[in-house]
Amino acid sequence: MRRLWSESPIVIGRWTLRDAVQGKPLRHPSHPLFVHFPAALPIAAFVFDIASRVHADLTLPRAALYNLAFALGMALPAAITGLVDYLPMVPGSRKRRLGTYHLLSQVAAVSLFAVSLALRALEYDAGRTPPAAMVVLGLGCLAVIVGNYFGGTLVYRQGMRVSVDL
């Protein structure tokens, strides 16, 4: 399996599967290409939730629901590309610790987003977002902010995946 992943088959020109997933054919790390949607859309959904509590309008909770659904869909490629960057980190290193905190925070956030989405689906025709769905989403937004802090620390302070050789 290791050979399949990191050595042999060439899938895109001269790159291995791992190189392709990491974004080397694009000359740009792939993980940052996917993380913006799962980070920003739930926060926008929370804004729609607040607006729905102020002014009952069927479109606001639905917009929040669709934002969450799209964010969860985009979380899959973000997770795959993130794991490809995370797994080769040296165990016990500062980068690996920060990566673990980032990973755990993002898993918590995505889990909370999924619970919030399920709660919303139960009351699809509500003019106001159910309070439980809002609270769970708010906790998920806090978790994603904490996770993004650790991810930013990895890139901006530790230089993770910052290279001129891409």
C-alpha atoms as a PDB file:
ATOM      1  CA  MET A   1       0.000   0.000   0.000  1.00  0.00           C
ATOM      2  CA  ARG A   2       2.814   2.419   0.828  1.00  0.00           C
ATOM      3  CA  ARG A   3       4.322   1.857  -2.606  1.00  0.00           C
ATOM      4  CA  LEU A   4       0.993   2.536  -4.288  1.00  0.00           C
ATOM      5  CA  TRP A   5       0.646   5.781  -2.368  1.00  0.00           C
ATOM      6  CA  SER A   6       4.092   7.342  -2.468  1.00  0.00           C
ATOM      7  CA  GLU A   7       6.280   5.680  -5.051  1.00  0.00           C
ATOM      8  CA  SER A   8       5.056   3.950  -8.119  1.00  0.00           C
ATOM      9  CA  PRO A   9       2.147   4.579 -10.163  1.00  0.00           C
ATOM     10  CA  ILE A  10       2.464   7.809 -11.968  1.00  0.00           C
ATOM     11  CA  VAL A  11      -1.012   9.276 -12.319  1.00  0.00           C
ATOM     12  CA  ILE A  12      -0.456  12.786 -13.630  1.00  0.00           C
ATOM     13  CA  GLY A  13       2.655  13.250 -15.706  1.00  0.00           C
ATOM     14  CA  ARG A  14       5.586  12.679 -13.353  1.00  0.00           C
ATOM     15  CA  TRP A  15       3.610  12.823 -10.077  1.00  0.00           C
ATOM     16  CA  THR A  16       2.522  10.038  -7.759  1.00  0.00           C
ATOM     17  CA  LEU A  17      -0.979   9.811  -6.332  1.00  0.00           C
ATOM     18  CA  ARG A  18       0.229  11.494  -3.142  1.00  0.00           C
ATOM     19  CA  ASP A  19       1.823  14.329  -5.148  1.00  0.00           C
ATOM     20  CA  ALA A  20      -1.418  14.830  -7.071  1.00  0.00           C
ATOM     21  CA  VAL A  21      -3.564  14.959  -3.914  1.00  0.00           C
ATOM     22  CA  GLN A  22      -1.124  17.404  -2.303  1.00  0.00           C
ATOM     23  CA  GLY A  23      -1.449  19.720  -5.315  1.00  0.00           C
ATOM     24  CA  LYS A  24       2.019  19.441  -6.844  1.00  0.00           C
ATOM     25  CA  PRO A  25       0.699  19.405 -10.437  1.00  0.00           C
ATOM     26  CA  LEU A  26      -0.971  22.754  -9.642  1.00  0.00           C
ATOM     27  CA  ARG A  27       2.210  24.074  -7.994  1.00  0.00           C
ATOM     28  CA  HIS A  28       0.008  24.988  -5.019  1.00  0.00           C
ATOM     29  CA  PRO A  29      -0.922  23.055  -1.865  1.00  0.00           C
ATOM     30  CA  SER A  30      -4.395  21.590  -2.360  1.00  0.00           C
ATOM     31  CA  HIS A  31      -5.686  21.743   1.231  1.00  0.00           C
ATOM     32  CA  PRO A  32      -6.101  25.558   1.258  1.00  0.00           C
ATOM     33  CA  LEU A  33      -8.181  25.331  -1.925  1.00  0.00           C
ATOM     34  CA  PHE A  34     -10.923  23.430  -0.099  1.00  0.00           C
ATOM     35  CA  VAL A  35     -10.971  24.772   3.467  1.00  0.00           C
ATOM     36  CA  HIS A  36     -12.662  28.098   2.839  1.00  0.00           C
ATOM     37  CA  PHE A  37     -16.142  26.720   2.173  1.00  0.00           C
ATOM     38  CA  PRO A  38     -16.434  24.510   5.274  1.00  0.00           C
ATOM     39  CA  ALA A  39     -15.088  27.407   7.354  1.00  0.00           C
ATOM     40  CA  ALA A  40     -17.111  30.315   5.967  1.00  0.00           C
ATOM     41  CA  LEU A  41     -20.477  28.822   5.040  1.00  0.00           C
ATOM     42  CA  PRO A  42     -21.455  27.683   8.555  1.00  0.00           C
ATOM     43  CA  ILE A  43     -20.693  31.157   9.884  1.00  0.00           C
ATOM     44  CA  ALA A  44     -22.916  32.620   7.144  1.00  0.00           C
ATOM     45  CA  ALA A  45     -25.566  30.065   8.136  1.00  0.00           C
ATOM     46  CA  PHE A  46     -25.362  31.301  11.717  1.00  0.00           C
ATOM     47  CA  VAL A  47     -25.955  34.865  10.495  1.00  0.00           C
ATOM     48  CA  PHE A  48     -29.038  33.614   8.585  1.00  0.00           C
ATOM     49  CA  ASP A  49     -30.183  31.897  11.786  1.00  0.00           C
ATOM     50  CA  ILE A  50     -29.941  35.109  13.774  1.00  0.00           C
ATOM     51  CA  ALA A  51     -31.821  36.956  11.035  1.00  0.00           C
ATOM     52  CA  SER A  52     -34.549  34.283  11.078  1.00  0.00           C
ATOM     53  CA  ARG A  53     -35.020  34.791  14.811  1.00  0.00           C
ATOM     54  CA  VAL A  54     -35.389  38.562  14.291  1.00  0.00           C
ATOM     55  CA  HIS A  55     -37.662  38.276  11.246  1.00  0.00           C
ATOM     56  CA  ALA A  56     -39.529  35.036  10.533  1.00  0.00           C
ATOM     57  CA  ASP A  57     -39.005  34.223   6.869  1.00  0.00           C
ATOM     58  CA  LEU A  58     -38.894  30.717   5.404  1.00  0.00           C
ATOM     59  CA  THR A  59     -35.988  31.600   3.109  1.00  0.00           C
ATOM     60  CA  LEU A  60     -33.566  32.369   5.956  1.00  0.00           C
ATOM     61  CA  PRO A  61     -33.581  28.956   7.697  1.00  0.00           C
ATOM     62  CA  ARG A  62     -33.465  27.268   4.295  1.00  0.00           C
ATOM     63  CA  ALA A  63     -30.490  29.356   3.208  1.00  0.00           C
ATOM     64  CA  ALA A  64     -28.751  28.325   6.422  1.00  0.00           C
ATOM     65  CA  LEU A  65     -29.617  24.675   5.789  1.00  0.00           C
ATOM     66  CA  TYR A  66     -28.247  24.796   2.222  1.00  0.00           C
ATOM     67  CA  ASN A  67     -25.092  26.561   3.407  1.00  0.00           C
ATOM     68  CA  LEU A  68     -24.517  23.808   5.953  1.00  0.00           C
ATOM     69  CA  ALA A  69     -25.182  21.051   3.423  1.00  0.00           C
ATOM     70  CA  PHE A  70     -22.698  22.544   0.956  1.00  0.00           C
ATOM     71  CA  ALA A  71     -20.131  23.104   3.717  1.00  0.00           C
ATOM     72  CA  LEU A  72     -20.390  19.459   4.762  1.00  0.00           C
ATOM     73  CA  GLY A  73     -19.961  18.363   1.154  1.00  0.00           C
ATOM     74  CA  MET A  74     -16.813  20.473   0.812  1.00  0.00           C
ATOM     75  CA  ALA A  75     -15.478  19.155   4.124  1.00  0.00           C
ATOM     76  CA  LEU A  76     -14.694  15.803   2.493  1.00  0.00           C
ATOM     77  CA  PRO A  77     -12.034  17.066   0.035  1.00  0.00           C
ATOM     78  CA  ALA A  78     -10.693  19.378   2.754  1.00  0.00           C
ATOM     79  CA  ALA A  79     -10.351  16.409   5.107  1.00  0.00           C
ATOM     80  CA  ILE A  80      -8.710  14.170   2.507  1.00  0.00           C
ATOM     81  CA  THR A  81      -6.129  16.766   1.494  1.00  0.00           C
ATOM     82  CA  GLY A  82      -5.536  17.678   5.141  1.00  0.00           C
ATOM     83  CA  LEU A  83      -4.900  14.056   6.098  1.00  0.00           C
ATOM     84  CA  VAL A  84      -2.416  13.707   3.247  1.00  0.00           C
ATOM     85  CA  ASP A  85      -0.490  16.614   4.756  1.00  0.00           C
ATOM     86  CA  TYR A  86      -0.939  15.393   8.356  1.00  0.00           C
ATOM     87  CA  LEU A  87       0.037  11.725   8.138  1.00  0.00           C
ATOM     88  CA  PRO A  88       3.713  12.217   7.159  1.00  0.00           C
ATOM     89  CA  MET A  89       4.356  14.669  10.011  1.00  0.00           C
ATOM     90  CA  VAL A  90       6.992  13.524  12.497  1.00  0.00           C
ATOM     91  CA  PRO A  91       5.272  11.981  15.551  1.00  0.00           C
ATOM     92  CA  GLY A  92       5.864  14.018  18.707  1.00  0.00           C
ATOM     93  CA  SER A  93       6.891  17.151  16.787  1.00  0.00           C
ATOM     94  CA  ARG A  94       5.343  20.561  17.382  1.00  0.00           C
ATOM     95  CA  LYS A  95       3.862  20.468  13.883  1.00  0.00           C
ATOM     96  CA  ARG A  96       2.236  17.113  14.578  1.00  0.00           C
ATOM     97  CA  ARG A  97       0.775  18.371  17.888  1.00  0.00           C
ATOM     98  CA  LEU A  98      -0.639  21.473  16.206  1.00  0.00           C
ATOM     99  CA  GLY A  99      -1.920  19.307  13.368  1.00  0.00           C
ATOM    100  CA  THR A 100      -3.638  17.026  15.860  1.00  0.00           C
ATOM    101  CA  TYR A 101      -5.330  19.971  17.580  1.00  0.00           C
ATOM    102  CA  HIS A 102      -6.376  21.292  14.170  1.00  0.00           C
ATOM    103  CA  LEU A 103      -7.716  17.871  13.146  1.00  0.00           C
ATOM    104  CA  LEU A 104      -9.662  17.286  16.366  1.00  0.00           C
ATOM    105  CA  SER A 105     -11.190  20.773  16.317  1.00  0.00           C
ATOM    106  CA  GLN A 106     -12.294  20.377  12.709  1.00  0.00           C
ATOM    107  CA  VAL A 107     -13.755  16.920  13.336  1.00  0.00           C
ATOM    108  CA  ALA A 108     -15.722  18.365  16.261  1.00  0.00           C
ATOM    109  CA  ALA A 109     -16.905  21.269  14.100  1.00  0.00           C
ATOM    110  CA  VAL A 110     -18.024  19.055  11.225  1.00  0.00           C
ATOM    111  CA  SER A 111     -19.807  16.726  13.646  1.00  0.00           C
ATOM    112  CA  LEU A 112     -21.672  19.650  15.199  1.00  0.00           C
ATOM    113  CA  PHE A 113     -22.552  20.988  11.740  1.00  0.00           C
ATOM    114  CA  ALA A 114     -23.996  17.590  10.808  1.00  0.00           C
ATOM    115  CA  VAL A 115     -26.104  17.490  13.995  1.00  0.00           C
ATOM    116  CA  SER A 116     -27.342  21.020  13.314  1.00  0.00           C
ATOM    117  CA  LEU A 117     -28.232  20.056   9.745  1.00  0.00           C
ATOM    118  CA  ALA A 118     -30.204  17.044  10.980  1.00  0.00           C
ATOM    119  CA  LEU A 119     -32.111  19.183  13.504  1.00  0.00           C
ATOM    120  CA  ARG A 120     -32.974  21.631  10.730  1.00  0.00           C
ATOM    121  CA  ALA A 121     -34.140  18.881   8.399  1.00  0.00           C
ATOM    122  CA  LEU A 122     -36.680  17.815  11.036  1.00  0.00           C
ATOM    123  CA  GLU A 123     -38.270  21.283  10.852  1.00  0.00           C
ATOM    124  CA  TYR A 124     -37.691  22.054   7.173  1.00  0.00           C
ATOM    125  CA  ASP A 125     -40.735  24.326   6.814  1.00  0.00           C
ATOM    126  CA  ALA A 126     -40.086  26.429   9.926  1.00  0.00           C
ATOM    127  CA  GLY A 127     -39.995  30.199   9.465  1.00  0.00           C
ATOM    128  CA  ARG A 128     -37.452  30.488  12.282  1.00  0.00           C
ATOM    129  CA  THR A 129     -34.428  28.306  12.906  1.00  0.00           C
ATOM    130  CA  PRO A 130     -35.030  25.935  15.822  1.00  0.00           C
ATOM    131  CA  PRO A 131     -33.070  27.116  18.884  1.00  0.00           C
ATOM    132  CA  ALA A 132     -31.326  23.753  19.365  1.00  0.00           C
ATOM    133  CA  ALA A 133     -30.027  23.840  15.770  1.00  0.00           C
ATOM    134  CA  MET A 134     -28.722  27.361  16.364  1.00  0.00           C
ATOM    135  CA  VAL A 135     -26.938  26.473  19.586  1.00  0.00           C
ATOM    136  CA  VAL A 136     -25.283  23.414  18.035  1.00  0.00           C
ATOM    137  CA  LEU A 137     -24.254  25.451  14.992  1.00  0.00           C
ATOM    138  CA  GLY A 138     -22.831  28.184  17.244  1.00  0.00           C
ATOM    139  CA  LEU A 139     -20.688  25.613  19.037  1.00  0.00           C
ATOM    140  CA  GLY A 140     -19.569  24.245  15.671  1.00  0.00           C
ATOM    141  CA  CYS A 141     -18.594  27.738  14.545  1.00  0.00           C
ATOM    142  CA  LEU A 142     -16.487  28.173  17.688  1.00  0.00           C
ATOM    143  CA  ALA A 143     -14.826  24.812  17.045  1.00  0.00           C
ATOM    144  CA  VAL A 144     -14.008  25.722  13.438  1.00  0.00           C
ATOM    145  CA  ILE A 145     -12.531  29.054  14.531  1.00  0.00           C
ATOM    146  CA  VAL A 146     -10.313  27.284  17.083  1.00  0.00           C
ATOM    147  CA  GLY A 147      -9.313  24.705  14.466  1.00  0.00           C
ATOM    148  CA  ASN A 148      -8.505  27.421  11.944  1.00  0.00           C
ATOM    149  CA  TYR A 149      -6.300  29.105  14.522  1.00  0.00           C
ATOM    150  CA  PHE A 150      -4.243  25.919  14.824  1.00  0.00           C
ATOM    151  CA  GLY A 151      -4.154  25.512  11.044  1.00  0.00           C
ATOM    152  CA  GLY A 152      -2.998  29.091  10.638  1.00  0.00           C
ATOM    153  CA  THR A 153      -0.316  28.545  13.245  1.00  0.00           C
ATOM    154  CA  LEU A 154       0.899  25.535  11.275  1.00  0.00           C
ATOM    155  CA  VAL A 155       1.225  27.562   8.094  1.00  0.00           C
ATOM    156  CA  TYR A 156       2.271  31.014   9.289  1.00  0.00           C
ATOM    157  CA  ARG A 157       4.451  30.128  12.273  1.00  0.00           C
ATOM    158  CA  GLN A 158       5.672  26.623  11.460  1.00  0.00           C
ATOM    159  CA  GLY A 159       5.877  26.980   7.659  1.00  0.00           C
ATOM    160  CA  MET A 160       3.845  23.830   7.020  1.00  0.00           C
ATOM    161  CA  ARG A 161       3.472  23.223   3.261  1.00  0.00           C
ATOM    162  CA  VAL A 162       5.134  26.566   2.482  1.00  0.00           C
ATOM    163  CA  SER A 163       7.616  25.815  -0.244  1.00  0.00           C
ATOM    164  CA  VAL A 164       9.004  27.314  -3.400  1.00  0.00           C
ATOM    165  CA  ASP A 165       9.520  23.811  -4.826  1.00  0.00           C
ATOM    166  CA  LEU A 166       5.851  23.136  -5.562  1.00  0.00           C
END
